[in-house]
Amino acid sequence: MFKSDEYVKRVNQFWIQKHDEFMAVLNSIDAQSAFLSETAKNNFRRWNILKDSSTDMWKNQNFSSYNEAVSNLKKWLSERIQWIDNQLKN
């Protein structure tokens, strides 16, 4: 698909148009994480999935805390946005 100039043009337009929205999601993670922190504590108290390697929840990544999982999410999303930015440079 990326051999089509029209397709590449539209992908670039989409990314330029939506880039701020993706960045807003990244930038909202801390606020959402804080809002959900008590709920997360209750959740992990009831279901100890953070350190439980028997679940596929984290795809072989064991986080010792909610904050560590949130940090990992932010890092992954930031790196993914940067990767897409780099791929779409003309």
C-alpha atoms as a PDB file:
ATOM      1  CA  MET A   1       0.000   0.000   0.000  1.00  0.00           C
ATOM      2  CA  PHE A   2       2.862   2.346   0.689  1.00  0.00           C
ATOM      3  CA  LYS A   3       3.854   2.058  -2.975  1.00  0.00           C
ATOM      4  CA  SER A   4       0.839   4.205  -3.810  1.00  0.00           C
ATOM      5  CA  ASP A   5       1.619   7.924  -3.674  1.00  0.00           C
ATOM      6  CA  GLU A   6      -2.030   8.715  -2.958  1.00  0.00           C
ATOM      7  CA  TYR A   7      -2.108   6.297  -0.022  1.00  0.00           C
ATOM      8  CA  VAL A   8       1.105   7.732   1.433  1.00  0.00           C
ATOM      9  CA  LYS A   9      -0.291  11.239   1.033  1.00  0.00           C
ATOM     10  CA  ARG A  10      -3.476  10.316   2.892  1.00  0.00           C
ATOM     11  CA  VAL A  11      -1.592   8.534   5.688  1.00  0.00           C
ATOM     12  CA  ASN A  12       0.592  11.596   6.169  1.00  0.00           C
ATOM     13  CA  GLN A  13      -2.445  13.887   6.187  1.00  0.00           C
ATOM     14  CA  PHE A  14      -4.156  11.682   8.759  1.00  0.00           C
ATOM     15  CA  TRP A  15      -1.101  11.629  11.011  1.00  0.00           C
ATOM     16  CA  ILE A  16      -0.640  15.398  10.797  1.00  0.00           C
ATOM     17  CA  GLN A  17      -4.348  15.918  11.499  1.00  0.00           C
ATOM     18  CA  LYS A  18      -4.467  13.510  14.461  1.00  0.00           C
ATOM     19  CA  HIS A  19      -0.968  13.964  15.921  1.00  0.00           C
ATOM     20  CA  ASP A  20      -2.108  16.434  18.581  1.00  0.00           C
ATOM     21  CA  GLU A  21      -4.835  14.027  19.675  1.00  0.00           C
ATOM     22  CA  PHE A  22      -2.327  11.198  20.125  1.00  0.00           C
ATOM     23  CA  MET A  23      -0.062  13.536  22.092  1.00  0.00           C
ATOM     24  CA  ALA A  24      -3.033  14.591  24.240  1.00  0.00           C
ATOM     25  CA  VAL A  25      -3.658  10.939  25.105  1.00  0.00           C
ATOM     26  CA  LEU A  26      -0.009  10.549  26.084  1.00  0.00           C
ATOM     27  CA  ASN A  27      -0.140  13.740  28.135  1.00  0.00           C
ATOM     28  CA  SER A  28      -3.364  12.700  29.905  1.00  0.00           C
ATOM     29  CA  ILE A  29      -1.978   9.432  31.249  1.00  0.00           C
ATOM     30  CA  ASP A  30      -0.619  10.949  34.477  1.00  0.00           C
ATOM     31  CA  ALA A  31      -3.937  12.627  35.308  1.00  0.00           C
ATOM     32  CA  GLN A  32      -5.927   9.495  34.507  1.00  0.00           C
ATOM     33  CA  SER A  33      -3.488   7.367  36.466  1.00  0.00           C
ATOM     34  CA  ALA A  34      -3.875   9.584  39.526  1.00  0.00           C
ATOM     35  CA  PHE A  35      -7.657   9.532  39.165  1.00  0.00           C
ATOM     36  CA  LEU A  36      -7.633   5.711  39.038  1.00  0.00           C
ATOM     37  CA  SER A  37      -4.966   5.095  41.692  1.00  0.00           C
ATOM     38  CA  GLU A  38      -7.361   4.082  44.502  1.00  0.00           C
ATOM     39  CA  THR A  39      -9.358   1.911  42.144  1.00  0.00           C
ATOM     40  CA  ALA A  40      -6.126   0.296  40.958  1.00  0.00           C
ATOM     41  CA  LYS A  41      -5.070  -0.433  44.533  1.00  0.00           C
ATOM     42  CA  ASN A  42      -8.383  -2.159  45.198  1.00  0.00           C
ATOM     43  CA  ASN A  43      -8.166  -4.051  41.933  1.00  0.00           C
ATOM     44  CA  PHE A  44      -4.660  -5.376  42.566  1.00  0.00           C
ATOM     45  CA  ARG A  45      -5.507  -6.201  46.166  1.00  0.00           C
ATOM     46  CA  ARG A  46      -8.328  -8.401  44.936  1.00  0.00           C
ATOM     47  CA  TRP A  47      -6.563  -9.827  41.855  1.00  0.00           C
ATOM     48  CA  ASN A  48      -2.798 -10.038  42.283  1.00  0.00           C
ATOM     49  CA  ILE A  49      -2.021  -9.913  38.569  1.00  0.00           C
ATOM     50  CA  LEU A  50       0.984  -7.600  38.746  1.00  0.00           C
ATOM     51  CA  LYS A  51       3.443 -10.255  39.882  1.00  0.00           C
ATOM     52  CA  ASP A  52       1.467 -13.263  38.661  1.00  0.00           C
ATOM     53  CA  SER A  53       3.319 -14.591  35.612  1.00  0.00           C
ATOM     54  CA  SER A  54       0.548 -17.113  34.940  1.00  0.00           C
ATOM     55  CA  THR A  55      -1.588 -14.423  33.294  1.00  0.00           C
ATOM     56  CA  ASP A  56      -1.040 -13.114  29.792  1.00  0.00           C
ATOM     57  CA  MET A  57      -2.106  -9.689  30.995  1.00  0.00           C
ATOM     58  CA  TRP A  58       1.272  -8.043  30.472  1.00  0.00           C
ATOM     59  CA  LYS A  59       2.742 -10.264  27.737  1.00  0.00           C
ATOM     60  CA  ASN A  60       5.610 -11.645  29.817  1.00  0.00           C
ATOM     61  CA  GLN A  61       6.302  -8.366  31.567  1.00  0.00           C
ATOM     62  CA  ASN A  62       5.915  -8.443  35.306  1.00  0.00           C
ATOM     63  CA  PHE A  63       5.381  -5.072  36.913  1.00  0.00           C
ATOM     64  CA  SER A  64       5.861  -4.704  40.617  1.00  0.00           C
ATOM     65  CA  SER A  65       3.442  -1.787  40.878  1.00  0.00           C
ATOM     66  CA  TYR A  66       0.677   0.107  39.160  1.00  0.00           C
ATOM     67  CA  ASN A  67       3.012   3.085  38.736  1.00  0.00           C
ATOM     68  CA  GLU A  68       5.570   0.898  36.995  1.00  0.00           C
ATOM     69  CA  ALA A  69       2.919  -0.381  34.581  1.00  0.00           C
ATOM     70  CA  VAL A  70       1.752   3.184  33.895  1.00  0.00           C
ATOM     71  CA  SER A  71       5.343   4.314  33.280  1.00  0.00           C
ATOM     72  CA  ASN A  72       5.821   1.437  30.869  1.00  0.00           C
ATOM     73  CA  LEU A  73       2.651   2.413  28.998  1.00  0.00           C
ATOM     74  CA  LYS A  74       3.820   6.026  28.704  1.00  0.00           C
ATOM     75  CA  LYS A  75       7.250   4.944  27.494  1.00  0.00           C
ATOM     76  CA  TRP A  76       5.790   2.569  24.897  1.00  0.00           C
ATOM     77  CA  LEU A  77       3.296   5.134  23.601  1.00  0.00           C
ATOM     78  CA  SER A  78       5.911   7.879  23.432  1.00  0.00           C
ATOM     79  CA  GLU A  79       8.312   5.626  21.537  1.00  0.00           C
ATOM     80  CA  ARG A  80       5.540   4.528  19.177  1.00  0.00           C
ATOM     81  CA  ILE A  81       4.553   8.121  18.361  1.00  0.00           C
ATOM     82  CA  GLN A  82       8.207   8.971  17.732  1.00  0.00           C
ATOM     83  CA  TRP A  83       8.591   5.904  15.501  1.00  0.00           C
ATOM     84  CA  ILE A  84       5.569   6.888  13.413  1.00  0.00           C
ATOM     85  CA  ASP A  85       6.857  10.463  13.178  1.00  0.00           C
ATOM     86  CA  ASN A  86      10.180   9.139  11.887  1.00  0.00           C
ATOM     87  CA  GLN A  87       8.540   6.780   9.385  1.00  0.00           C
ATOM     88  CA  LEU A  88       6.393   9.507   7.877  1.00  0.00           C
ATOM     89  CA  LYS A  89       9.110  12.090   7.371  1.00  0.00           C
ATOM     90  CA  ASN A  90       9.301  13.052   3.718  1.00  0.00           C
END
